[in-house]
Amino acid sequence: MASFSASTLSPAIEYQEGNMDKYLQQLQSYTFIQEQGFDPLMRNCKRMWENATEREWMEFCLLVEEP
């Protein structure tokens, strides 16, 4: 199990392999900056990278609609 903490003030978010949807839902409120040395081809990162780009970056430039 990997542990990820977005900041010192936020609670830790834990990822358990096989539960990607729940993990990504927890991460949606955070902004991520790619760190030097990130390798999206790593065994455990490849699928996560595909899910993150599908869920987050495909709607990156959509404007908020007023009701």
PDB file of N, CA and C in Angstrom:
ATOM      1  N   MET A   1       0.844  -1.164   0.000  1.00  0.00           N
ATOM      2  CA  MET A   1       0.000   0.000   0.000  1.00  0.00           C
ATOM      3  C   MET A   1       0.896   1.235   0.000  1.00  0.00           C
ATOM      4  N   ALA A   2       0.611   2.177  -0.885  1.00  0.00           N
ATOM      5  CA  ALA A   2       1.355   3.426  -0.951  1.00  0.00           C
ATOM      6  C   ALA A   2       0.591   4.494  -0.201  1.00  0.00           C
ATOM      7  N   SER A   3       1.333   5.408   0.395  1.00  0.00           N
ATOM      8  CA  SER A   3       0.695   6.498   1.112  1.00  0.00           C
ATOM      9  C   SER A   3       1.075   7.808   0.451  1.00  0.00           C
ATOM     10  N   PHE A   4       0.125   8.695   0.303  1.00  0.00           N
ATOM     11  CA  PHE A   4       0.357   9.978  -0.353  1.00  0.00           C
ATOM     12  C   PHE A   4      -0.228  11.070   0.515  1.00  0.00           C
ATOM     13  N   SER A   5       0.525  12.135   0.727  1.00  0.00           N
ATOM     14  CA  SER A   5       0.006  13.267   1.486  1.00  0.00           C
ATOM     15  C   SER A   5       0.127  14.506   0.626  1.00  0.00           C
ATOM     16  N   ALA A   6      -0.962  15.201   0.388  1.00  0.00           N
ATOM     17  CA  ALA A   6      -0.969  16.367  -0.488  1.00  0.00           C
ATOM     18  C   ALA A   6      -0.292  17.562   0.158  1.00  0.00           C
ATOM     19  N   SER A   7      -0.399  17.727   1.439  1.00  0.00           N
ATOM     20  CA  SER A   7       0.293  18.792   2.163  1.00  0.00           C
ATOM     21  C   SER A   7       0.337  18.413   3.628  1.00  0.00           C
ATOM     22  N   THR A   8       1.075  19.184   4.405  1.00  0.00           N
ATOM     23  CA  THR A   8       1.179  18.866   5.822  1.00  0.00           C
ATOM     24  C   THR A   8      -0.133  19.116   6.550  1.00  0.00           C
ATOM     25  N   LEU A   9      -1.017  19.935   5.975  1.00  0.00           N
ATOM     26  CA  LEU A   9      -2.288  20.251   6.618  1.00  0.00           C
ATOM     27  C   LEU A   9      -3.424  19.335   6.186  1.00  0.00           C
ATOM     28  N   SER A  10      -3.231  18.575   5.133  1.00  0.00           N
ATOM     29  CA  SER A  10      -4.298  17.714   4.633  1.00  0.00           C
ATOM     30  C   SER A  10      -4.114  16.292   5.151  1.00  0.00           C
ATOM     31  N   PRO A  11      -5.194  15.539   5.215  1.00  0.00           N
ATOM     32  CA  PRO A  11      -5.079  14.149   5.657  1.00  0.00           C
ATOM     33  C   PRO A  11      -4.378  13.304   4.601  1.00  0.00           C
ATOM     34  N   ALA A  12      -3.769  12.221   5.037  1.00  0.00           N
ATOM     35  CA  ALA A  12      -3.101  11.314   4.102  1.00  0.00           C
ATOM     36  C   ALA A  12      -4.145  10.603   3.257  1.00  0.00           C
ATOM     37  N   ILE A  13      -3.806  10.386   2.004  1.00  0.00           N
ATOM     38  CA  ILE A  13      -4.678   9.648   1.095  1.00  0.00           C
ATOM     39  C   ILE A  13      -3.952   8.362   0.753  1.00  0.00           C
ATOM     40  N   GLU A  14      -4.576   7.242   1.023  1.00  0.00           N
ATOM     41  CA  GLU A  14      -3.925   5.964   0.790  1.00  0.00           C
ATOM     42  C   GLU A  14      -4.499   5.286  -0.440  1.00  0.00           C
ATOM     43  N   TYR A  15      -3.604   4.715  -1.229  1.00  0.00           N
ATOM     44  CA  TYR A  15      -4.000   3.994  -2.436  1.00  0.00           C
ATOM     45  C   TYR A  15      -3.799   2.504  -2.217  1.00  0.00           C
ATOM     46  N   GLN A  16      -4.832   1.739  -2.439  1.00  0.00           N
ATOM     47  CA  GLN A  16      -4.722   0.295  -2.413  1.00  0.00           C
ATOM     48  C   GLN A  16      -4.953  -0.193  -3.832  1.00  0.00           C
ATOM     49  N   GLU A  17      -4.018  -0.978  -4.328  1.00  0.00           N
ATOM     50  CA  GLU A  17      -4.104  -1.450  -5.709  1.00  0.00           C
ATOM     51  C   GLU A  17      -5.444  -2.140  -5.944  1.00  0.00           C
ATOM     52  N   GLY A  18      -6.084  -1.785  -7.063  1.00  0.00           N
ATOM     53  CA  GLY A  18      -7.373  -2.370  -7.393  1.00  0.00           C
ATOM     54  C   GLY A  18      -8.547  -1.476  -7.001  1.00  0.00           C
ATOM     55  N   ASN A  19      -8.275  -0.334  -6.389  1.00  0.00           N
ATOM     56  CA  ASN A  19      -9.345   0.568  -5.969  1.00  0.00           C
ATOM     57  C   ASN A  19      -9.084   1.959  -6.545  1.00  0.00           C
ATOM     58  N   MET A  20      -8.784   2.024  -7.835  1.00  0.00           N
ATOM     59  CA  MET A  20      -8.356   3.257  -8.493  1.00  0.00           C
ATOM     60  C   MET A  20      -9.438   4.338  -8.495  1.00  0.00           C
ATOM     61  N   ASP A  21     -10.694   3.991  -8.736  1.00  0.00           N
ATOM     62  CA  ASP A  21     -11.753   5.002  -8.804  1.00  0.00           C
ATOM     63  C   ASP A  21     -11.884   5.777  -7.496  1.00  0.00           C
ATOM     64  N   LYS A  22     -11.897   5.072  -6.386  1.00  0.00           N
ATOM     65  CA  LYS A  22     -12.012   5.736  -5.081  1.00  0.00           C
ATOM     66  C   LYS A  22     -10.793   6.621  -4.831  1.00  0.00           C
ATOM     67  N   TYR A  23      -9.626   6.138  -5.176  1.00  0.00           N
ATOM     68  CA  TYR A  23      -8.380   6.893  -4.989  1.00  0.00           C
ATOM     69  C   TYR A  23      -8.403   8.186  -5.799  1.00  0.00           C
ATOM     70  N   LEU A  24      -8.804   8.121  -7.049  1.00  0.00           N
ATOM     71  CA  LEU A  24      -8.832   9.314  -7.898  1.00  0.00           C
ATOM     72  C   LEU A  24      -9.896  10.304  -7.440  1.00  0.00           C
ATOM     73  N   GLN A  25     -11.006   9.827  -6.924  1.00  0.00           N
ATOM     74  CA  GLN A  25     -12.032  10.729  -6.399  1.00  0.00           C
ATOM     75  C   GLN A  25     -11.504  11.527  -5.217  1.00  0.00           C
ATOM     76  N   GLN A  26     -10.682  10.911  -4.383  1.00  0.00           N
ATOM     77  CA  GLN A  26     -10.098  11.603  -3.243  1.00  0.00           C
ATOM     78  C   GLN A  26      -9.101  12.666  -3.701  1.00  0.00           C
ATOM     79  N   LEU A  27      -8.454  12.437  -4.825  1.00  0.00           N
ATOM     80  CA  LEU A  27      -7.413  13.351  -5.300  1.00  0.00           C
ATOM     81  C   LEU A  27      -7.947  14.503  -6.135  1.00  0.00           C
ATOM     82  N   GLN A  28      -9.212  14.483  -6.525  1.00  0.00           N
ATOM     83  CA  GLN A  28      -9.745  15.486  -7.444  1.00  0.00           C
ATOM     84  C   GLN A  28      -9.645  16.909  -6.928  1.00  0.00           C
ATOM     85  N   SER A  29      -9.645  17.113  -5.634  1.00  0.00           N
ATOM     86  CA  SER A  29      -9.609  18.475  -5.098  1.00  0.00           C
ATOM     87  C   SER A  29      -8.198  19.051  -5.020  1.00  0.00           C
ATOM     88  N   TYR A  30      -7.182  18.261  -5.368  1.00  0.00           N
ATOM     89  CA  TYR A  30      -5.802  18.718  -5.278  1.00  0.00           C
ATOM     90  C   TYR A  30      -5.244  19.100  -6.641  1.00  0.00           C
ATOM     91  N   THR A  31      -4.297  20.024  -6.640  1.00  0.00           N
ATOM     92  CA  THR A  31      -3.574  20.395  -7.849  1.00  0.00           C
ATOM     93  C   THR A  31      -2.225  19.695  -7.809  1.00  0.00           C
ATOM     94  N   PHE A  32      -1.832  19.105  -8.922  1.00  0.00           N
ATOM     95  CA  PHE A  32      -0.571  18.379  -8.969  1.00  0.00           C
ATOM     96  C   PHE A  32       0.403  19.028  -9.930  1.00  0.00           C
ATOM     97  N   ILE A  33       1.652  19.025  -9.542  1.00  0.00           N
ATOM     98  CA  ILE A  33       2.736  19.501 -10.392  1.00  0.00           C
ATOM     99  C   ILE A  33       3.650  18.310 -10.620  1.00  0.00           C
ATOM    100  N   GLN A  34       3.955  18.036 -11.873  1.00  0.00           N
ATOM    101  CA  GLN A  34       4.803  16.896 -12.187  1.00  0.00           C
ATOM    102  C   GLN A  34       6.183  17.101 -11.586  1.00  0.00           C
ATOM    103  N   GLU A  35       6.649  16.129 -10.838  1.00  0.00           N
ATOM    104  CA  GLU A  35       7.960  16.208 -10.222  1.00  0.00           C
ATOM    105  C   GLU A  35       9.009  15.641 -11.159  1.00  0.00           C
ATOM    106  N   GLN A  36      10.208  16.135 -11.008  1.00  0.00           N
ATOM    107  CA  GLN A  36      11.322  15.636 -11.805  1.00  0.00           C
ATOM    108  C   GLN A  36      11.522  14.156 -11.482  1.00  0.00           C
ATOM    109  N   GLY A  37      11.672  13.362 -12.505  1.00  0.00           N
ATOM    110  CA  GLY A  37      11.888  11.945 -12.315  1.00  0.00           C
ATOM    111  C   GLY A  37      10.620  11.107 -12.389  1.00  0.00           C
ATOM    112  N   PHE A  38       9.462  11.709 -12.583  1.00  0.00           N
ATOM    113  CA  PHE A  38       8.216  10.951 -12.715  1.00  0.00           C
ATOM    114  C   PHE A  38       8.266  10.136 -13.994  1.00  0.00           C
ATOM    115  N   ASP A  39       7.989   8.872 -13.894  1.00  0.00           N
ATOM    116  CA  ASP A  39       8.032   7.989 -15.057  1.00  0.00           C
ATOM    117  C   ASP A  39       6.665   7.332 -15.235  1.00  0.00           C
ATOM    118  N   PRO A  40       5.840   7.839 -16.175  1.00  0.00           N
ATOM    119  CA  PRO A  40       4.496   7.276 -16.355  1.00  0.00           C
ATOM    120  C   PRO A  40       4.497   5.851 -16.895  1.00  0.00           C
ATOM    121  N   LEU A  41       5.646   5.318 -17.272  1.00  0.00           N
ATOM    122  CA  LEU A  41       5.708   3.949 -17.781  1.00  0.00           C
ATOM    123  C   LEU A  41       5.969   2.932 -16.674  1.00  0.00           C
ATOM    124  N   MET A  42       6.153   3.404 -15.453  1.00  0.00           N
ATOM    125  CA  MET A  42       6.357   2.488 -14.337  1.00  0.00           C
ATOM    126  C   MET A  42       5.142   1.580 -14.204  1.00  0.00           C
ATOM    127  N   ARG A  43       5.333   0.383 -13.723  1.00  0.00           N
ATOM    128  CA  ARG A  43       4.280  -0.623 -13.649  1.00  0.00           C
ATOM    129  C   ARG A  43       3.009  -0.107 -12.966  1.00  0.00           C
ATOM    130  N   ASN A  44       3.116   0.523 -11.827  1.00  0.00           N
ATOM    131  CA  ASN A  44       1.937   0.948 -11.074  1.00  0.00           C
ATOM    132  C   ASN A  44       1.431   2.319 -11.481  1.00  0.00           C
ATOM    133  N   CYS A  45       2.189   3.065 -12.274  1.00  0.00           N
ATOM    134  CA  CYS A  45       1.777   4.421 -12.640  1.00  0.00           C
ATOM    135  C   CYS A  45       1.086   4.487 -13.991  1.00  0.00           C
ATOM    136  N   LYS A  46       1.316   3.503 -14.845  1.00  0.00           N
ATOM    137  CA  LYS A  46       0.793   3.604 -16.205  1.00  0.00           C
ATOM    138  C   LYS A  46      -0.731   3.755 -16.223  1.00  0.00           C
ATOM    139  N   ARG A  47      -1.442   2.877 -15.579  1.00  0.00           N
ATOM    140  CA  ARG A  47      -2.907   2.951 -15.577  1.00  0.00           C
ATOM    141  C   ARG A  47      -3.388   4.189 -14.817  1.00  0.00           C
ATOM    142  N   MET A  48      -2.710   4.537 -13.721  1.00  0.00           N
ATOM    143  CA  MET A  48      -3.094   5.717 -12.956  1.00  0.00           C
ATOM    144  C   MET A  48      -2.970   6.968 -13.818  1.00  0.00           C
ATOM    145  N   TRP A  49      -1.898   7.066 -14.607  1.00  0.00           N
ATOM    146  CA  TRP A  49      -1.697   8.227 -15.477  1.00  0.00           C
ATOM    147  C   TRP A  49      -2.812   8.316 -16.516  1.00  0.00           C
ATOM    148  N   GLU A  50      -3.217   7.189 -17.104  1.00  0.00           N
ATOM    149  CA  GLU A  50      -4.308   7.189 -18.081  1.00  0.00           C
ATOM    150  C   GLU A  50      -5.610   7.656 -17.433  1.00  0.00           C
ATOM    151  N   ASN A  51      -5.913   7.175 -16.242  1.00  0.00           N
ATOM    152  CA  ASN A  51      -7.132   7.585 -15.541  1.00  0.00           C
ATOM    153  C   ASN A  51      -7.100   9.058 -15.174  1.00  0.00           C
ATOM    154  N   ALA A  52      -5.966   9.536 -14.723  1.00  0.00           N
ATOM    155  CA  ALA A  52      -5.850  10.943 -14.325  1.00  0.00           C
ATOM    156  C   ALA A  52      -6.044  11.859 -15.524  1.00  0.00           C
ATOM    157  N   THR A  53      -5.456  11.522 -16.667  1.00  0.00           N
ATOM    158  CA  THR A  53      -5.612  12.381 -17.836  1.00  0.00           C
ATOM    159  C   THR A  53      -7.044  12.314 -18.349  1.00  0.00           C
ATOM    160  N   GLU A  54      -7.652  11.145 -18.283  1.00  0.00           N
ATOM    161  CA  GLU A  54      -9.035  11.005 -18.750  1.00  0.00           C
ATOM    162  C   GLU A  54      -9.995  11.793 -17.868  1.00  0.00           C
ATOM    163  N   ARG A  55      -9.818  11.728 -16.569  1.00  0.00           N
ATOM    164  CA  ARG A  55     -10.748  12.361 -15.641  1.00  0.00           C
ATOM    165  C   ARG A  55     -10.495  13.852 -15.464  1.00  0.00           C
ATOM    166  N   GLU A  56      -9.250  14.271 -15.474  1.00  0.00           N
ATOM    167  CA  GLU A  56      -8.931  15.650 -15.118  1.00  0.00           C
ATOM    168  C   GLU A  56      -8.654  16.527 -16.325  1.00  0.00           C
ATOM    169  N   TRP A  57      -7.748  16.131 -17.179  1.00  0.00           N
ATOM    170  CA  TRP A  57      -7.259  17.030 -18.224  1.00  0.00           C
ATOM    171  C   TRP A  57      -8.178  17.141 -19.424  1.00  0.00           C
ATOM    172  N   MET A  58      -9.077  16.211 -19.635  1.00  0.00           N
ATOM    173  CA  MET A  58      -9.987  16.309 -20.768  1.00  0.00           C
ATOM    174  C   MET A  58     -10.984  17.458 -20.588  1.00  0.00           C
ATOM    175  N   GLU A  59     -11.237  17.862 -19.346  1.00  0.00           N
ATOM    176  CA  GLU A  59     -12.169  18.947 -19.068  1.00  0.00           C
ATOM    177  C   GLU A  59     -11.439  20.156 -18.486  1.00  0.00           C
ATOM    178  N   PHE A  60     -10.172  20.267 -18.783  1.00  0.00           N
ATOM    179  CA  PHE A  60      -9.320  21.291 -18.187  1.00  0.00           C
ATOM    180  C   PHE A  60      -9.766  22.708 -18.518  1.00  0.00           C
ATOM    181  N   CYS A  61     -10.238  22.960 -19.729  1.00  0.00           N
ATOM    182  CA  CYS A  61     -10.549  24.324 -20.168  1.00  0.00           C
ATOM    183  C   CYS A  61     -12.039  24.634 -20.237  1.00  0.00           C
ATOM    184  N   LEU A  62     -12.877  23.785 -19.707  1.00  0.00           N
ATOM    185  CA  LEU A  62     -14.311  24.061 -19.754  1.00  0.00           C
ATOM    186  C   LEU A  62     -14.663  25.224 -18.835  1.00  0.00           C
ATOM    187  N   LEU A  63     -15.524  26.104 -19.294  1.00  0.00           N
ATOM    188  CA  LEU A  63     -15.962  27.238 -18.492  1.00  0.00           C
ATOM    189  C   LEU A  63     -17.130  26.834 -17.602  1.00  0.00           C
ATOM    190  N   VAL A  64     -17.227  27.463 -16.465  1.00  0.00           N
ATOM    191  CA  VAL A  64     -18.328  27.187 -15.549  1.00  0.00           C
ATOM    192  C   VAL A  64     -19.595  27.828 -16.104  1.00  0.00           C
ATOM    193  N   GLU A  65     -20.648  27.051 -16.164  1.00  0.00           N
ATOM    194  CA  GLU A  65     -21.924  27.564 -16.661  1.00  0.00           C
ATOM    195  C   GLU A  65     -22.744  28.096 -15.496  1.00  0.00           C
ATOM    196  N   GLU A  66     -23.326  29.267 -15.680  1.00  0.00           N
ATOM    197  CA  GLU A  66     -24.192  29.816 -14.645  1.00  0.00           C
ATOM    198  C   GLU A  66     -25.601  29.262 -14.831  1.00  0.00           C
ATOM    199  N   PRO A  67     -26.281  28.924 -13.722  1.00  0.00           N
ATOM    200  CA  PRO A  67     -27.630  28.344 -13.829  1.00  0.00           C
ATOM    201  C   PRO A  67     -28.646  29.328 -14.363  1.00  0.00           C
TER     202      PRO A  67
END
